[in-house]
Amino acid sequence: MKSDDLQITALDGGFSVTVTGRANFDYAVPLREISGKLNENSWLQIDLENCEAMDSTFMGVLTMLALKMRKNGKQVMLIGANEILIKLLRDLGVAKLFKFAAEKSSVLGGTALKTSGDKSMLTTAKTVAEAHKALVGADSSNAEKFKQVIEFAEQDVERLKKKDE
């Protein structure tokens, strides 16, 4: 991932995210950081117009964000998602959590959000586990698909915690 492939901008009351290229677990860690910044009044729009593909970890983080927004009676707006991306979300049973729009609403200004840049293996393993658990939580039919991914990620988390001690 190049540094400009994921742009997160904090705007008045919410966040605008632009995704370029193949959205994978490298994109997931900084995107996950938004979750802690969302409150009951926040809005979130994610521009996928230039997104070529998404892996399950990235879709799991999207799901985590959508579930958090849903608790506040809101939806994550996915903008410019092509049919392939929508099908990926549909196949995992999570498309219903999002609102889709063809074009970006005009948002001016804002501040580029600095994420922690924590690319440690432990943070990545935690993100992979949490993302896949979110997919299972959103649609139980994903349990069998991601059972091993979750188990391996959790094993990695434990192994890496021990290593850091």
N, C-alpha and C. Protein backbone atom coordinates (compact mmCIF):
# COMPACT_ATOMS: atom_id res chain seq x y z
N MET A 1 0.84 -1.17 0.00
CA MET A 1 0.00 0.00 0.00
C MET A 1 0.88 1.24 0.00
N LYS A 2 0.63 2.11 -0.92
CA LYS A 2 1.31 3.41 -0.93
C LYS A 2 0.61 4.31 0.07
N SER A 3 1.33 5.28 0.59
CA SER A 3 0.77 6.12 1.65
C SER A 3 -0.48 6.89 1.21
N ASP A 4 -0.63 7.16 -0.06
CA ASP A 4 -1.82 7.90 -0.49
C ASP A 4 -2.95 6.99 -0.98
N ASP A 5 -2.80 5.67 -0.82
CA ASP A 5 -3.85 4.73 -1.22
C ASP A 5 -5.03 4.73 -0.26
N LEU A 6 -4.82 5.18 0.96
CA LEU A 6 -5.89 5.29 1.95
C LEU A 6 -5.79 6.67 2.56
N GLN A 7 -6.74 7.50 2.23
CA GLN A 7 -6.76 8.87 2.76
C GLN A 7 -7.95 9.01 3.68
N ILE A 8 -7.68 9.40 4.91
CA ILE A 8 -8.73 9.59 5.90
C ILE A 8 -8.74 11.06 6.28
N THR A 9 -9.89 11.69 6.09
CA THR A 9 -10.02 13.11 6.38
C THR A 9 -11.09 13.32 7.44
N ALA A 10 -10.72 14.04 8.49
CA ALA A 10 -11.69 14.41 9.54
C ALA A 10 -12.35 15.69 9.11
N LEU A 11 -13.67 15.67 9.09
CA LEU A 11 -14.45 16.84 8.70
C LEU A 11 -15.43 17.16 9.82
N ASP A 12 -16.14 18.24 9.67
CA ASP A 12 -17.09 18.66 10.67
C ASP A 12 -18.11 17.55 10.94
N GLY A 13 -17.96 16.87 12.06
CA GLY A 13 -18.92 15.86 12.46
C GLY A 13 -18.70 14.47 11.91
N GLY A 14 -17.67 14.27 11.12
CA GLY A 14 -17.48 12.93 10.58
C GLY A 14 -16.18 12.73 9.85
N PHE A 15 -16.16 11.70 9.05
CA PHE A 15 -14.94 11.30 8.36
C PHE A 15 -15.24 10.94 6.92
N SER A 16 -14.31 11.32 6.05
CA SER A 16 -14.36 10.93 4.65
C SER A 16 -13.11 10.11 4.37
N VAL A 17 -13.30 8.94 3.80
CA VAL A 17 -12.19 8.03 3.52
C VAL A 17 -12.17 7.76 2.02
N THR A 18 -10.99 7.82 1.43
CA THR A 18 -10.84 7.48 0.02
C THR A 18 -9.89 6.29 -0.08
N VAL A 19 -10.35 5.25 -0.78
CA VAL A 19 -9.59 4.01 -0.92
C VAL A 19 -9.20 3.84 -2.38
N THR A 20 -7.92 3.59 -2.62
CA THR A 20 -7.41 3.37 -3.96
C THR A 20 -6.67 2.03 -4.00
N GLY A 21 -6.83 1.31 -5.10
CA GLY A 21 -6.10 0.06 -5.28
C GLY A 21 -6.80 -1.13 -4.65
N ARG A 22 -5.99 -2.08 -4.20
CA ARG A 22 -6.51 -3.32 -3.61
C ARG A 22 -6.53 -3.17 -2.09
N ALA A 23 -7.73 -3.06 -1.55
CA ALA A 23 -7.89 -2.85 -0.11
C ALA A 23 -7.70 -4.18 0.62
N ASN A 24 -6.65 -4.25 1.42
CA ASN A 24 -6.35 -5.48 2.14
C ASN A 24 -6.07 -5.16 3.61
N PHE A 25 -5.45 -6.11 4.31
CA PHE A 25 -5.21 -5.93 5.74
C PHE A 25 -4.32 -4.74 6.03
N ASP A 26 -3.49 -4.31 5.08
CA ASP A 26 -2.67 -3.11 5.28
C ASP A 26 -3.55 -1.87 5.43
N TYR A 27 -4.66 -1.85 4.75
CA TYR A 27 -5.61 -0.74 4.84
C TYR A 27 -6.43 -0.84 6.12
N ALA A 28 -6.62 -2.07 6.59
CA ALA A 28 -7.54 -2.32 7.70
C ALA A 28 -7.08 -1.69 9.02
N VAL A 29 -5.79 -1.75 9.32
CA VAL A 29 -5.31 -1.24 10.60
C VAL A 29 -5.59 0.26 10.75
N PRO A 30 -5.18 1.11 9.80
CA PRO A 30 -5.49 2.53 9.97
C PRO A 30 -6.99 2.83 9.91
N LEU A 31 -7.73 2.08 9.11
CA LEU A 31 -9.18 2.31 9.02
C LEU A 31 -9.84 1.95 10.35
N ARG A 32 -9.36 0.93 11.00
CA ARG A 32 -9.90 0.49 12.29
C ARG A 32 -9.79 1.59 13.34
N GLU A 33 -8.76 2.42 13.23
CA GLU A 33 -8.55 3.47 14.21
C GLU A 33 -9.70 4.49 14.24
N ILE A 34 -10.43 4.61 13.15
CA ILE A 34 -11.56 5.53 13.11
C ILE A 34 -12.61 5.12 14.13
N SER A 35 -12.75 3.83 14.36
CA SER A 35 -13.79 3.33 15.25
C SER A 35 -13.79 4.03 16.60
N GLY A 36 -12.63 4.25 17.16
CA GLY A 36 -12.52 4.91 18.45
C GLY A 36 -12.87 6.38 18.41
N LYS A 37 -12.94 6.95 17.24
CA LYS A 37 -13.23 8.38 17.09
C LYS A 37 -14.70 8.64 16.74
N LEU A 38 -15.45 7.59 16.44
CA LEU A 38 -16.86 7.74 16.09
C LEU A 38 -17.70 7.93 17.35
N ASN A 39 -18.65 8.85 17.29
CA ASN A 39 -19.60 9.01 18.38
C ASN A 39 -21.01 8.99 17.82
N GLU A 40 -22.00 9.25 18.68
CA GLU A 40 -23.39 9.14 18.25
C GLU A 40 -23.79 10.13 17.17
N ASN A 41 -23.01 11.18 16.98
CA ASN A 41 -23.34 12.18 15.97
C ASN A 41 -22.49 12.06 14.70
N SER A 42 -21.55 11.15 14.69
CA SER A 42 -20.61 11.04 13.56
C SER A 42 -21.27 10.48 12.31
N TRP A 43 -20.73 10.89 11.18
CA TRP A 43 -21.07 10.29 9.90
C TRP A 43 -19.77 9.76 9.29
N LEU A 44 -19.91 8.82 8.37
CA LEU A 44 -18.73 8.21 7.75
C LEU A 44 -19.06 7.88 6.31
N GLN A 45 -18.25 8.41 5.39
CA GLN A 45 -18.40 8.04 3.98
C GLN A 45 -17.07 7.50 3.48
N ILE A 46 -17.16 6.43 2.71
CA ILE A 46 -15.97 5.78 2.19
C ILE A 46 -16.09 5.70 0.67
N ASP A 47 -15.16 6.36 -0.01
CA ASP A 47 -15.15 6.42 -1.46
C ASP A 47 -14.38 5.22 -2.00
N LEU A 48 -15.11 4.33 -2.68
CA LEU A 48 -14.52 3.11 -3.24
C LEU A 48 -14.41 3.17 -4.76
N GLU A 49 -14.59 4.35 -5.33
CA GLU A 49 -14.59 4.48 -6.79
C GLU A 49 -13.31 3.93 -7.42
N ASN A 50 -12.17 4.13 -6.76
CA ASN A 50 -10.89 3.66 -7.30
C ASN A 50 -10.34 2.44 -6.58
N CYS A 51 -11.23 1.76 -5.87
CA CYS A 51 -10.86 0.53 -5.18
C CYS A 51 -11.03 -0.64 -6.15
N GLU A 52 -9.98 -1.41 -6.34
CA GLU A 52 -10.01 -2.50 -7.31
C GLU A 52 -10.54 -3.81 -6.72
N ALA A 53 -10.26 -4.04 -5.43
CA ALA A 53 -10.66 -5.28 -4.78
C ALA A 53 -10.59 -5.08 -3.27
N MET A 54 -11.24 -5.98 -2.52
CA MET A 54 -11.21 -5.93 -1.06
C MET A 54 -11.00 -7.34 -0.54
N ASP A 55 -10.13 -7.48 0.47
CA ASP A 55 -10.00 -8.79 1.09
C ASP A 55 -10.93 -8.86 2.30
N SER A 56 -11.03 -10.04 2.90
CA SER A 56 -11.99 -10.23 3.99
C SER A 56 -11.63 -9.41 5.22
N THR A 57 -10.36 -9.17 5.47
CA THR A 57 -9.99 -8.35 6.63
C THR A 57 -10.49 -6.93 6.45
N PHE A 58 -10.30 -6.36 5.27
CA PHE A 58 -10.78 -5.01 5.01
C PHE A 58 -12.30 -4.97 5.13
N MET A 59 -12.99 -5.96 4.54
CA MET A 59 -14.45 -5.98 4.63
C MET A 59 -14.91 -6.18 6.07
N GLY A 60 -14.13 -6.91 6.86
CA GLY A 60 -14.46 -7.07 8.27
C GLY A 60 -14.35 -5.77 9.04
N VAL A 61 -13.33 -4.97 8.74
CA VAL A 61 -13.21 -3.66 9.39
C VAL A 61 -14.34 -2.75 8.94
N LEU A 62 -14.70 -2.78 7.67
CA LEU A 62 -15.86 -2.02 7.22
C LEU A 62 -17.10 -2.43 8.02
N THR A 63 -17.24 -3.72 8.23
CA THR A 63 -18.37 -4.25 8.99
C THR A 63 -18.33 -3.76 10.44
N MET A 64 -17.15 -3.78 11.05
CA MET A 64 -17.00 -3.27 12.42
C MET A 64 -17.48 -1.82 12.50
N LEU A 65 -17.06 -1.01 11.54
CA LEU A 65 -17.46 0.39 11.52
C LEU A 65 -18.97 0.53 11.31
N ALA A 66 -19.52 -0.28 10.40
CA ALA A 66 -20.95 -0.23 10.11
C ALA A 66 -21.77 -0.63 11.34
N LEU A 67 -21.32 -1.64 12.06
CA LEU A 67 -22.04 -2.08 13.26
C LEU A 67 -22.00 -1.01 14.34
N LYS A 68 -20.86 -0.34 14.48
CA LYS A 68 -20.76 0.74 15.47
C LYS A 68 -21.69 1.90 15.08
N MET A 69 -21.69 2.26 13.81
CA MET A 69 -22.56 3.34 13.34
C MET A 69 -24.04 2.97 13.53
N ARG A 70 -24.35 1.71 13.28
CA ARG A 70 -25.73 1.23 13.40
C ARG A 70 -26.26 1.41 14.82
N LYS A 71 -25.40 1.20 15.81
CA LYS A 71 -25.80 1.39 17.21
C LYS A 71 -26.27 2.83 17.46
N ASN A 72 -25.75 3.75 16.66
CA ASN A 72 -26.12 5.16 16.78
C ASN A 72 -27.20 5.56 15.77
N GLY A 73 -27.81 4.56 15.14
CA GLY A 73 -28.89 4.84 14.19
C GLY A 73 -28.42 5.40 12.86
N LYS A 74 -27.17 5.16 12.52
CA LYS A 74 -26.61 5.69 11.27
C LYS A 74 -26.06 4.55 10.41
N GLN A 75 -25.72 4.91 9.17
CA GLN A 75 -25.12 3.94 8.25
C GLN A 75 -23.86 4.51 7.65
N VAL A 76 -22.94 3.62 7.35
CA VAL A 76 -21.74 4.00 6.61
C VAL A 76 -22.15 4.13 5.14
N MET A 77 -21.76 5.23 4.53
CA MET A 77 -22.06 5.48 3.12
C MET A 77 -20.87 4.99 2.28
N LEU A 78 -21.12 4.02 1.40
CA LEU A 78 -20.10 3.55 0.48
C LEU A 78 -20.38 4.19 -0.88
N ILE A 79 -19.39 4.91 -1.38
CA ILE A 79 -19.58 5.69 -2.60
C ILE A 79 -18.80 5.08 -3.75
N GLY A 80 -19.46 4.97 -4.90
CA GLY A 80 -18.79 4.54 -6.11
C GLY A 80 -18.37 3.08 -6.13
N ALA A 81 -18.95 2.25 -5.27
CA ALA A 81 -18.59 0.82 -5.25
C ALA A 81 -19.10 0.17 -6.53
N ASN A 82 -18.21 -0.54 -7.23
CA ASN A 82 -18.64 -1.22 -8.45
C ASN A 82 -19.36 -2.53 -8.10
N GLU A 83 -19.92 -3.16 -9.10
CA GLU A 83 -20.71 -4.38 -8.89
C GLU A 83 -19.90 -5.50 -8.24
N ILE A 84 -18.62 -5.60 -8.57
CA ILE A 84 -17.77 -6.65 -7.99
C ILE A 84 -17.64 -6.44 -6.48
N LEU A 85 -17.38 -5.20 -6.06
CA LEU A 85 -17.23 -4.90 -4.63
C LEU A 85 -18.55 -5.14 -3.89
N ILE A 86 -19.64 -4.71 -4.50
CA ILE A 86 -20.96 -4.92 -3.88
C ILE A 86 -21.26 -6.40 -3.75
N LYS A 87 -20.90 -7.18 -4.77
CA LYS A 87 -21.13 -8.63 -4.73
C LYS A 87 -20.31 -9.26 -3.60
N LEU A 88 -19.08 -8.81 -3.41
CA LEU A 88 -18.25 -9.35 -2.31
C LEU A 88 -18.94 -9.12 -0.97
N LEU A 89 -19.47 -7.92 -0.78
CA LEU A 89 -20.16 -7.60 0.48
C LEU A 89 -21.46 -8.39 0.60
N ARG A 90 -22.18 -8.54 -0.51
CA ARG A 90 -23.42 -9.32 -0.51
C ARG A 90 -23.14 -10.78 -0.17
N ASP A 91 -22.09 -11.33 -0.77
CA ASP A 91 -21.75 -12.74 -0.55
C ASP A 91 -21.42 -13.03 0.92
N LEU A 92 -20.96 -12.03 1.64
CA LEU A 92 -20.68 -12.20 3.06
C LEU A 92 -21.86 -11.81 3.94
N GLY A 93 -22.96 -11.40 3.30
CA GLY A 93 -24.17 -11.06 4.02
C GLY A 93 -24.11 -9.76 4.79
N VAL A 94 -23.20 -8.86 4.39
CA VAL A 94 -23.03 -7.61 5.13
C VAL A 94 -23.43 -6.37 4.32
N ALA A 95 -23.79 -6.53 3.06
CA ALA A 95 -24.15 -5.37 2.23
C ALA A 95 -25.31 -4.59 2.83
N LYS A 96 -26.18 -5.29 3.55
CA LYS A 96 -27.35 -4.65 4.16
C LYS A 96 -26.97 -3.62 5.23
N LEU A 97 -25.74 -3.66 5.71
CA LEU A 97 -25.29 -2.73 6.74
C LEU A 97 -24.91 -1.36 6.17
N PHE A 98 -24.78 -1.27 4.86
CA PHE A 98 -24.26 -0.06 4.23
C PHE A 98 -25.31 0.63 3.38
N LYS A 99 -25.09 1.91 3.20
CA LYS A 99 -25.88 2.68 2.25
C LYS A 99 -24.95 2.93 1.06
N PHE A 100 -25.45 2.73 -0.14
CA PHE A 100 -24.63 2.88 -1.33
C PHE A 100 -25.04 4.13 -2.11
N ALA A 101 -24.05 4.84 -2.61
CA ALA A 101 -24.30 6.02 -3.43
C ALA A 101 -23.37 5.99 -4.63
N ALA A 102 -23.85 6.51 -5.73
CA ALA A 102 -23.04 6.53 -6.95
C ALA A 102 -21.98 7.62 -6.90
N GLU A 103 -22.33 8.76 -6.31
CA GLU A 103 -21.41 9.90 -6.33
C GLU A 103 -21.17 10.44 -4.93
N LYS A 104 -19.99 10.97 -4.76
CA LYS A 104 -19.58 11.56 -3.50
C LYS A 104 -20.31 12.88 -3.28
N SER A 105 -20.78 13.08 -2.05
CA SER A 105 -21.33 14.39 -1.73
C SER A 105 -20.15 15.33 -1.56
N SER A 106 -20.35 16.56 -1.90
CA SER A 106 -19.22 17.48 -1.84
C SER A 106 -18.91 17.85 -0.40
N VAL A 107 -17.70 17.56 -0.01
CA VAL A 107 -17.20 17.92 1.32
C VAL A 107 -15.92 18.70 1.10
N LEU A 108 -15.91 19.87 1.64
CA LEU A 108 -14.76 20.74 1.45
C LEU A 108 -13.97 20.86 2.73
N GLY A 109 -12.70 21.06 2.58
CA GLY A 109 -11.85 21.28 3.74
C GLY A 109 -11.55 20.00 4.47
N GLY A 110 -11.48 20.12 5.77
CA GLY A 110 -11.17 18.95 6.57
C GLY A 110 -9.68 18.85 6.84
N THR A 111 -9.36 17.94 7.72
CA THR A 111 -7.99 17.74 8.13
C THR A 111 -7.61 16.29 7.88
N ALA A 112 -6.50 16.10 7.20
CA ALA A 112 -6.02 14.73 6.99
C ALA A 112 -5.76 14.11 8.36
N LEU A 113 -6.35 12.97 8.59
CA LEU A 113 -6.23 12.31 9.88
C LEU A 113 -4.94 11.51 9.90
N LYS A 114 -4.17 11.73 10.92
CA LYS A 114 -2.94 10.96 11.11
C LYS A 114 -3.29 9.73 11.92
N THR A 115 -3.08 8.58 11.34
CA THR A 115 -3.28 7.35 12.10
C THR A 115 -1.97 7.04 12.80
N SER A 116 -2.04 6.16 13.77
CA SER A 116 -0.85 5.88 14.57
C SER A 116 0.26 5.26 13.73
N GLY A 117 -0.13 4.67 12.61
CA GLY A 117 0.88 4.03 11.77
C GLY A 117 1.42 2.75 12.40
N ASP A 118 0.70 2.24 13.41
CA ASP A 118 1.14 1.02 14.10
C ASP A 118 1.00 -0.15 13.15
N LYS A 119 2.10 -0.56 12.59
CA LYS A 119 2.09 -1.67 11.66
C LYS A 119 2.71 -2.91 12.29
N SER A 120 2.66 -2.95 13.62
CA SER A 120 3.25 -4.10 14.30
C SER A 120 2.49 -5.36 13.93
N MET A 121 3.17 -6.46 14.03
CA MET A 121 2.54 -7.74 13.72
C MET A 121 1.42 -8.03 14.71
N LEU A 122 1.57 -7.60 15.97
CA LEU A 122 0.54 -7.82 16.97
C LEU A 122 -0.74 -7.05 16.62
N THR A 123 -0.60 -5.78 16.26
CA THR A 123 -1.77 -4.98 15.89
C THR A 123 -2.44 -5.56 14.65
N THR A 124 -1.66 -5.99 13.70
CA THR A 124 -2.22 -6.59 12.49
C THR A 124 -2.98 -7.87 12.83
N ALA A 125 -2.39 -8.72 13.65
CA ALA A 125 -3.04 -9.98 14.03
C ALA A 125 -4.35 -9.71 14.78
N LYS A 126 -4.34 -8.73 15.69
CA LYS A 126 -5.57 -8.36 16.40
C LYS A 126 -6.63 -7.87 15.44
N THR A 127 -6.22 -7.05 14.48
CA THR A 127 -7.16 -6.50 13.50
C THR A 127 -7.75 -7.61 12.65
N VAL A 128 -6.92 -8.55 12.21
CA VAL A 128 -7.41 -9.67 11.40
C VAL A 128 -8.44 -10.48 12.19
N ALA A 129 -8.14 -10.78 13.46
CA ALA A 129 -9.08 -11.55 14.28
C ALA A 129 -10.39 -10.79 14.49
N GLU A 130 -10.30 -9.52 14.88
CA GLU A 130 -11.50 -8.72 15.14
C GLU A 130 -12.34 -8.53 13.87
N ALA A 131 -11.68 -8.31 12.75
CA ALA A 131 -12.40 -8.10 11.49
C ALA A 131 -13.21 -9.33 11.11
N HIS A 132 -12.60 -10.49 11.23
CA HIS A 132 -13.29 -11.71 10.85
C HIS A 132 -14.39 -12.08 11.85
N LYS A 133 -14.18 -11.75 13.11
CA LYS A 133 -15.24 -11.96 14.11
C LYS A 133 -16.43 -11.06 13.80
N ALA A 134 -16.16 -9.86 13.32
CA ALA A 134 -17.25 -8.94 12.95
C ALA A 134 -18.06 -9.52 11.79
N LEU A 135 -17.38 -10.12 10.82
CA LEU A 135 -18.09 -10.73 9.69
C LEU A 135 -18.98 -11.87 10.17
N VAL A 136 -18.48 -12.66 11.12
CA VAL A 136 -19.28 -13.76 11.67
C VAL A 136 -20.44 -13.20 12.49
N GLY A 137 -20.17 -12.16 13.27
CA GLY A 137 -21.22 -11.55 14.07
C GLY A 137 -22.33 -10.93 13.23
N ALA A 138 -21.97 -10.41 12.08
CA ALA A 138 -22.95 -9.78 11.20
C ALA A 138 -23.77 -10.81 10.43
N ASP A 139 -23.17 -11.98 10.15
CA ASP A 139 -23.87 -13.03 9.42
C ASP A 139 -23.27 -14.37 9.84
N SER A 140 -24.04 -15.14 10.59
CA SER A 140 -23.53 -16.40 11.16
C SER A 140 -23.09 -17.41 10.10
N SER A 141 -23.57 -17.25 8.86
CA SER A 141 -23.14 -18.18 7.81
C SER A 141 -21.66 -18.01 7.47
N ASN A 142 -21.04 -16.94 7.97
CA ASN A 142 -19.61 -16.73 7.75
C ASN A 142 -18.75 -17.51 8.75
N ALA A 143 -19.35 -18.11 9.76
CA ALA A 143 -18.60 -18.79 10.81
C ALA A 143 -17.68 -19.88 10.25
N GLU A 144 -18.22 -20.71 9.42
CA GLU A 144 -17.42 -21.81 8.88
C GLU A 144 -16.34 -21.29 7.93
N LYS A 145 -16.67 -20.27 7.14
CA LYS A 145 -15.71 -19.70 6.18
C LYS A 145 -14.46 -19.18 6.88
N PHE A 146 -14.67 -18.54 8.03
CA PHE A 146 -13.57 -17.82 8.67
C PHE A 146 -13.08 -18.44 9.98
N LYS A 147 -13.57 -19.63 10.29
CA LYS A 147 -13.18 -20.29 11.54
C LYS A 147 -11.66 -20.41 11.66
N GLN A 148 -11.02 -20.93 10.64
CA GLN A 148 -9.57 -21.12 10.70
C GLN A 148 -8.81 -19.80 10.69
N VAL A 149 -9.30 -18.83 9.94
CA VAL A 149 -8.64 -17.52 9.91
C VAL A 149 -8.63 -16.93 11.31
N ILE A 150 -9.78 -17.00 11.99
CA ILE A 150 -9.89 -16.46 13.35
C ILE A 150 -8.96 -17.23 14.29
N GLU A 151 -8.99 -18.56 14.20
CA GLU A 151 -8.12 -19.37 15.07
C GLU A 151 -6.65 -19.03 14.86
N PHE A 152 -6.22 -18.95 13.61
CA PHE A 152 -4.81 -18.65 13.33
C PHE A 152 -4.44 -17.24 13.80
N ALA A 153 -5.33 -16.29 13.58
CA ALA A 153 -5.05 -14.92 14.00
C ALA A 153 -4.97 -14.84 15.52
N GLU A 154 -5.86 -15.53 16.21
CA GLU A 154 -5.82 -15.52 17.68
C GLU A 154 -4.55 -16.21 18.20
N GLN A 155 -4.13 -17.26 17.53
CA GLN A 155 -2.87 -17.92 17.90
C GLN A 155 -1.70 -16.97 17.70
N ASP A 156 -1.73 -16.23 16.59
CA ASP A 156 -0.69 -15.24 16.34
C ASP A 156 -0.67 -14.17 17.43
N VAL A 157 -1.85 -13.71 17.83
CA VAL A 157 -1.93 -12.69 18.88
C VAL A 157 -1.27 -13.22 20.15
N GLU A 158 -1.62 -14.42 20.56
CA GLU A 158 -1.03 -14.99 21.79
C GLU A 158 0.47 -15.18 21.66
N ARG A 159 0.91 -15.69 20.52
CA ARG A 159 2.35 -15.91 20.29
C ARG A 159 3.10 -14.58 20.33
N LEU A 160 2.54 -13.56 19.69
CA LEU A 160 3.21 -12.26 19.63
C LEU A 160 3.20 -11.54 20.98
N LYS A 161 2.14 -11.75 21.77
CA LYS A 161 2.11 -11.18 23.12
C LYS A 161 3.23 -11.76 23.96
N LYS A 162 3.41 -13.08 23.87
CA LYS A 162 4.47 -13.76 24.63
C LYS A 162 5.85 -13.27 24.20
N LYS A 163 5.97 -13.08 22.91
CA LYS A 163 7.26 -12.62 22.36
C LYS A 163 7.61 -11.23 22.87
N ASP A 164 6.57 -10.38 23.03
CA ASP A 164 6.79 -8.99 23.49
C ASP A 164 7.06 -8.91 24.98
N GLU A 165 6.74 -9.98 25.73
CA GLU A 165 6.95 -9.94 27.19
C GLU A 165 8.40 -10.03 27.58
